[in-house]
PDB file of all heavy atoms in Angstrom:
ATOM      1  N   THR A   1       0.841  -1.156   0.025  1.00  0.00           N
ATOM      2  CA  THR A   1      -0.033   0.000   0.003  1.00  0.00           C
ATOM      3  C   THR A   1       0.883   1.207   0.023  1.00  0.00           C
ATOM      4  O   THR A   1       2.070   1.144   0.352  1.00  0.00           O
ATOM      5  CB  THR A   1      -0.861   0.090   1.219  1.00  0.00           C
ATOM      6  OG1 THR A   1      -0.169   0.032   2.417  1.00  0.00           O
ATOM      7  CG2 THR A   1      -1.834  -1.268   1.306  1.00  0.00           C
ATOM      8  N   GLN A   2       0.341   2.218  -0.286  1.00  0.00           N
ATOM      9  CA  GLN A   2       0.981   3.582  -0.326  1.00  0.00           C
ATOM     10  C   GLN A   2       0.435   4.509   0.685  1.00  0.00           C
ATOM     11  O   GLN A   2      -0.804   4.616   0.825  1.00  0.00           O
ATOM     12  CB  GLN A   2       0.914   4.150  -1.790  1.00  0.00           C
ATOM     13  CG  GLN A   2       1.683   3.434  -2.787  1.00  0.00           C
ATOM     14  CD  GLN A   2       1.702   4.031  -4.122  1.00  0.00           C
ATOM     15  OE1 GLN A   2       0.761   4.957  -4.435  1.00  0.00           O
ATOM     16  NE2 GLN A   2       2.597   3.755  -5.031  1.00  0.00           N
ATOM     17  N   GLU A   3       1.349   5.179   1.384  1.00  0.00           N
ATOM     18  CA  GLU A   3       0.954   6.191   2.309  1.00  0.00           C
ATOM     19  C   GLU A   3       1.453   7.481   1.865  1.00  0.00           C
ATOM     20  O   GLU A   3       2.609   7.622   1.414  1.00  0.00           O
ATOM     21  CB  GLU A   3       1.495   5.792   3.811  1.00  0.00           C
ATOM     22  CG  GLU A   3       0.921   4.514   4.217  1.00  0.00           C
ATOM     23  CD  GLU A   3       1.355   4.188   5.639  1.00  0.00           C
ATOM     24  OE1 GLU A   3       2.238   4.970   6.106  1.00  0.00           O
ATOM     25  OE2 GLU A   3       0.870   3.225   6.208  1.00  0.00           O
ATOM     26  N   ALA A   4       0.730   8.509   2.208  1.00  0.00           N
ATOM     27  CA  ALA A   4       1.143   9.909   1.825  1.00  0.00           C
ATOM     28  C   ALA A   4       2.081  10.394   2.891  1.00  0.00           C
ATOM     29  O   ALA A   4       1.831  10.319   4.157  1.00  0.00           O
ATOM     30  CB  ALA A   4       0.000  10.828   1.608  1.00  0.00           C
ATOM     31  N   VAL A   5       3.220  10.900   2.511  1.00  0.00           N
ATOM     32  CA  VAL A   5       4.294  11.435   3.454  1.00  0.00           C
ATOM     33  C   VAL A   5       4.444  13.007   3.079  1.00  0.00           C
ATOM     34  O   VAL A   5       4.682  13.207   2.009  1.00  0.00           O
ATOM     35  CB  VAL A   5       5.586  10.750   3.343  1.00  0.00           C
ATOM     36  CG1 VAL A   5       6.641  11.390   4.283  1.00  0.00           C
ATOM     37  CG2 VAL A   5       5.506   9.230   3.505  1.00  0.00           C
ATOM     38  N   PRO A   6       4.145  13.772   4.109  1.00  0.00           N
ATOM     39  CA  PRO A   6       4.353  15.249   3.855  1.00  0.00           C
ATOM     40  C   PRO A   6       5.691  15.647   3.432  1.00  0.00           C
ATOM     41  O   PRO A   6       6.587  15.156   3.975  1.00  0.00           O
ATOM     42  CB  PRO A   6       3.814  15.829   5.188  1.00  0.00           C
ATOM     43  CG  PRO A   6       4.009  14.840   6.143  1.00  0.00           C
ATOM     44  CD  PRO A   6       3.824  13.411   5.455  1.00  0.00           C
ATOM     45  N   LYS A   7       5.807  16.473   2.495  1.00  0.00           N
ATOM     46  CA  LYS A   7       7.123  16.958   2.080  1.00  0.00           C
ATOM     47  C   LYS A   7       7.465  18.272   2.776  1.00  0.00           C
ATOM     48  O   LYS A   7       6.665  18.741   3.599  1.00  0.00           O
ATOM     49  CB  LYS A   7       7.016  17.223   0.564  1.00  0.00           C
ATOM     50  CG  LYS A   7       6.733  15.899  -0.340  1.00  0.00           C
ATOM     51  CD  LYS A   7       6.843  16.196  -1.747  1.00  0.00           C
ATOM     52  CE  LYS A   7       8.185  16.659  -2.266  1.00  0.00           C
ATOM     53  NZ  LYS A   7       8.334  16.952  -3.733  1.00  0.00           N
ATOM     54  N   SER A   8       8.655  18.609   2.641  1.00  0.00           N
ATOM     55  CA  SER A   8       9.195  19.833   3.299  1.00  0.00           C
ATOM     56  C   SER A   8       8.471  21.007   2.716  1.00  0.00           C
ATOM     57  O   SER A   8       7.896  20.976   1.631  1.00  0.00           O
ATOM     58  CB  SER A   8      10.644  19.953   3.038  1.00  0.00           C
ATOM     59  OG  SER A   8      10.896  20.006   1.603  1.00  0.00           O
ATOM     60  N   PRO A   9       8.507  22.144   3.447  1.00  0.00           N
ATOM     61  CA  PRO A   9       7.765  23.299   3.105  1.00  0.00           C
ATOM     62  C   PRO A   9       8.346  23.743   1.726  1.00  0.00           C
ATOM     63  O   PRO A   9       9.489  23.729   1.416  1.00  0.00           O
ATOM     64  CB  PRO A   9       8.064  24.364   4.222  1.00  0.00           C
ATOM     65  CG  PRO A   9       8.307  23.566   5.352  1.00  0.00           C
ATOM     66  CD  PRO A   9       9.031  22.332   4.823  1.00  0.00           C
ATOM     67  N   GLY A  10       7.430  24.306   0.993  1.00  0.00           N
ATOM     68  CA  GLY A  10       7.792  24.891  -0.315  1.00  0.00           C
ATOM     69  C   GLY A  10       7.404  23.878  -1.511  1.00  0.00           C
ATOM     70  O   GLY A  10       7.631  24.272  -2.608  1.00  0.00           O
ATOM     71  N   THR A  11       7.091  22.681  -1.071  1.00  0.00           N
ATOM     72  CA  THR A  11       6.644  21.753  -2.140  1.00  0.00           C
ATOM     73  C   THR A  11       5.090  21.702  -2.281  1.00  0.00           C
ATOM     74  O   THR A  11       4.461  21.742  -1.160  1.00  0.00           O
ATOM     75  CB  THR A  11       7.271  20.390  -1.857  1.00  0.00           C
ATOM     76  OG1 THR A  11       6.838  19.967  -0.591  1.00  0.00           O
ATOM     77  CG2 THR A  11       8.829  20.424  -1.902  1.00  0.00           C
ATOM     78  N   SER A  12       4.568  21.492  -3.461  1.00  0.00           N
ATOM     79  CA  SER A  12       3.209  21.422  -3.540  1.00  0.00           C
ATOM     80  C   SER A  12       2.609  20.037  -3.750  1.00  0.00           C
ATOM     81  O   SER A  12       1.445  19.853  -3.566  1.00  0.00           O
ATOM     82  CB  SER A  12       2.906  22.264  -4.908  1.00  0.00           C
ATOM     83  OG  SER A  12       3.553  21.738  -6.015  1.00  0.00           O
ATOM     84  N   GLU A  13       3.326  19.031  -3.999  1.00  0.00           N
ATOM     85  CA  GLU A  13       2.834  17.678  -4.214  1.00  0.00           C
ATOM     86  C   GLU A  13       3.284  16.744  -3.167  1.00  0.00           C
ATOM     87  O   GLU A  13       4.438  16.729  -2.722  1.00  0.00           O
ATOM     88  CB  GLU A  13       3.267  17.106  -5.600  1.00  0.00           C
ATOM     89  CG  GLU A  13       2.799  17.845  -6.759  1.00  0.00           C
ATOM     90  CD  GLU A  13       3.187  17.273  -8.015  1.00  0.00           C
ATOM     91  OE1 GLU A  13       3.971  16.252  -8.011  1.00  0.00           O
ATOM     92  OE2 GLU A  13       2.776  17.740  -9.159  1.00  0.00           O
ATOM     93  N   PRO A  14       2.430  16.021  -2.593  1.00  0.00           N
ATOM     94  CA  PRO A  14       2.832  15.032  -1.549  1.00  0.00           C
ATOM     95  C   PRO A  14       3.497  13.912  -2.126  1.00  0.00           C
ATOM     96  O   PRO A  14       3.363  13.596  -3.322  1.00  0.00           O
ATOM     97  CB  PRO A  14       1.488  14.533  -0.885  1.00  0.00           C
ATOM     98  CG  PRO A  14       0.462  14.737  -2.065  1.00  0.00           C
ATOM     99  CD  PRO A  14       0.982  15.927  -2.726  1.00  0.00           C
ATOM    100  N   SER A  15       4.532  13.446  -1.405  1.00  0.00           N
ATOM    101  CA  SER A  15       5.227  12.218  -1.833  1.00  0.00           C
ATOM    102  C   SER A  15       4.676  10.922  -1.327  1.00  0.00           C
ATOM    103  O   SER A  15       4.067  11.041  -0.114  1.00  0.00           O
ATOM    104  CB  SER A  15       6.725  12.361  -1.478  1.00  0.00           C
ATOM    105  OG  SER A  15       6.982  12.302  -0.093  1.00  0.00           O
ATOM    106  N   TYR A  16       4.749   9.876  -1.921  1.00  0.00           N
ATOM    107  CA  TYR A  16       4.224   8.577  -1.427  1.00  0.00           C
ATOM    108  C   TYR A  16       5.383   7.583  -1.175  1.00  0.00           C
ATOM    109  O   TYR A  16       6.395   7.545  -2.035  1.00  0.00           O
ATOM    110  CB  TYR A  16       3.300   8.029  -2.515  1.00  0.00           C
ATOM    111  CG  TYR A  16       2.027   8.855  -2.662  1.00  0.00           C
ATOM    112  CD1 TYR A  16       2.071   9.861  -3.595  1.00  0.00           C
ATOM    113  CD2 TYR A  16       0.929   8.557  -1.938  1.00  0.00           C
ATOM    114  CE1 TYR A  16       0.992  10.703  -3.785  1.00  0.00           C
ATOM    115  CE2 TYR A  16      -0.230   9.381  -2.239  1.00  0.00           C
ATOM    116  CZ  TYR A  16      -0.174  10.399  -3.094  1.00  0.00           C
ATOM    117  OH  TYR A  16      -1.267  11.211  -3.298  1.00  0.00           O
ATOM    118  N   THR A  17       5.252   6.999  -0.038  1.00  0.00           N
ATOM    119  CA  THR A  17       6.224   5.945   0.169  1.00  0.00           C
ATOM    120  C   THR A  17       5.576   4.572   0.256  1.00  0.00           C
ATOM    121  O   THR A  17       4.388   4.514   0.511  1.00  0.00           O
ATOM    122  CB  THR A  17       6.877   6.192   1.570  1.00  0.00           C
ATOM    123  OG1 THR A  17       7.890   5.213   1.845  1.00  0.00           O
ATOM    124  CG2 THR A  17       5.798   6.106   2.713  1.00  0.00           C
ATOM    125  N   SER A  18       6.274   3.722  -0.218  1.00  0.00           N
ATOM    126  CA  SER A  18       5.722   2.286  -0.211  1.00  0.00           C
ATOM    127  C   SER A  18       5.895   1.603   1.103  1.00  0.00           C
ATOM    128  O   SER A  18       6.985   1.540   1.674  1.00  0.00           O
ATOM    129  CB  SER A  18       6.522   1.506  -1.337  1.00  0.00           C
ATOM    130  OG  SER A  18       6.131   0.170  -1.310  1.00  0.00           O
ATOM    131  N   VAL A  19       4.793   1.014   1.512  1.00  0.00           N
ATOM    132  CA  VAL A  19       4.783   0.274   2.807  1.00  0.00           C
ATOM    133  C   VAL A  19       4.333  -1.153   2.578  1.00  0.00           C
ATOM    134  O   VAL A  19       3.226  -1.443   1.981  1.00  0.00           O
ATOM    135  CB  VAL A  19       3.821   0.939   3.699  1.00  0.00           C
ATOM    136  CG1 VAL A  19       3.826   0.136   5.116  1.00  0.00           C
ATOM    137  CG2 VAL A  19       4.148   2.361   4.058  1.00  0.00           C
ATOM    138  N   ASN A  20       5.153  -2.012   3.037  1.00  0.00           N
ATOM    139  CA  ASN A  20       4.876  -3.487   2.806  1.00  0.00           C
ATOM    140  C   ASN A  20       4.091  -3.930   4.002  1.00  0.00           C
ATOM    141  O   ASN A  20       4.623  -3.966   5.021  1.00  0.00           O
ATOM    142  CB  ASN A  20       6.170  -4.188   2.590  1.00  0.00           C
ATOM    143  CG  ASN A  20       5.991  -5.662   2.277  1.00  0.00           C
ATOM    144  OD1 ASN A  20       4.827  -6.015   2.172  1.00  0.00           O
ATOM    145  ND2 ASN A  20       6.957  -6.300   1.981  1.00  0.00           N
ATOM    146  N   ARG A  21       2.810  -4.348   3.749  1.00  0.00           N
ATOM    147  CA  ARG A  21       2.017  -4.911   4.897  1.00  0.00           C
ATOM    148  C   ARG A  21       2.183  -6.429   5.140  1.00  0.00           C
ATOM    149  O   ARG A  21       1.819  -6.873   6.059  1.00  0.00           O
ATOM    150  CB  ARG A  21       0.496  -4.674   4.559  1.00  0.00           C
ATOM    151  CG  ARG A  21       0.077  -3.221   4.268  1.00  0.00           C
ATOM    152  CD  ARG A  21       0.275  -2.467   5.642  1.00  0.00           C
ATOM    153  NE  ARG A  21      -0.147  -1.133   5.525  1.00  0.00           N
ATOM    154  CZ  ARG A  21      -0.036  -0.187   6.511  1.00  0.00           C
ATOM    155  NH1 ARG A  21       0.510  -0.580   7.673  1.00  0.00           N
ATOM    156  NH2 ARG A  21      -0.449   1.149   6.310  1.00  0.00           N
ATOM    157  N   GLY A  22       2.777  -6.952   4.181  1.00  0.00           N
ATOM    158  CA  GLY A  22       2.919  -8.466   4.292  1.00  0.00           C
ATOM    159  C   GLY A  22       4.354  -8.745   4.757  1.00  0.00           C
ATOM    160  O   GLY A  22       5.147  -7.852   5.147  1.00  0.00           O
ATOM    161  N   PRO A  23       4.724  -9.952   4.535  1.00  0.00           N
ATOM    162  CA  PRO A  23       6.142 -10.334   4.949  1.00  0.00           C
ATOM    163  C   PRO A  23       7.144  -9.581   4.132  1.00  0.00           C
ATOM    164  O   PRO A  23       6.968  -9.543   2.916  1.00  0.00           O
ATOM    165  CB  PRO A  23       6.155 -11.789   4.657  1.00  0.00           C
ATOM    166  CG  PRO A  23       4.675 -12.118   4.740  1.00  0.00           C
ATOM    167  CD  PRO A  23       3.929 -11.104   4.111  1.00  0.00           C
ATOM    168  N   ALA A  24       8.146  -9.057   4.775  1.00  0.00           N
ATOM    169  CA  ALA A  24       9.195  -8.250   4.119  1.00  0.00           C
ATOM    170  C   ALA A  24      10.082  -9.147   3.143  1.00  0.00           C
ATOM    171  O   ALA A  24      10.383 -10.271   3.564  1.00  0.00           O
ATOM    172  CB  ALA A  24      10.030  -7.544   4.973  1.00  0.00           C
ATOM    173  N   LEU A  25      10.474  -8.681   2.029  1.00  0.00           N
ATOM    174  CA  LEU A  25      11.445  -9.313   1.171  1.00  0.00           C
ATOM    175  C   LEU A  25      12.870  -8.941   1.368  1.00  0.00           C
ATOM    176  O   LEU A  25      13.011  -7.809   1.867  1.00  0.00           O
ATOM    177  CB  LEU A  25      10.949  -9.085  -0.352  1.00  0.00           C
ATOM    178  CG  LEU A  25       9.568  -9.561  -0.732  1.00  0.00           C
ATOM    179  CD1 LEU A  25       9.368  -9.137  -2.232  1.00  0.00           C
ATOM    180  CD2 LEU A  25       9.558 -11.026  -0.568  1.00  0.00           C
ATOM    181  N   ASP A  26      13.729  -9.719   1.243  1.00  0.00           N
ATOM    182  CA  ASP A  26      15.148  -9.395   1.484  1.00  0.00           C
ATOM    183  C   ASP A  26      15.601  -8.095   0.700  1.00  0.00           C
ATOM    184  O   ASP A  26      16.432  -7.276   1.225  1.00  0.00           O
ATOM    185  CB  ASP A  26      15.993 -10.588   1.234  1.00  0.00           C
ATOM    186  CG  ASP A  26      15.766 -11.764   2.203  1.00  0.00           C
ATOM    187  OD1 ASP A  26      15.160 -11.406   3.273  1.00  0.00           O
ATOM    188  OD2 ASP A  26      16.067 -12.932   1.923  1.00  0.00           O
TER     189      ASP A  26
END
């Protein structure tokens, strides 16, 4: 799933980080 991560001030678009809900891969 993807979660929205707020960017530093001065940026207009949110960045998305990938979150693994299942078992992690190496």
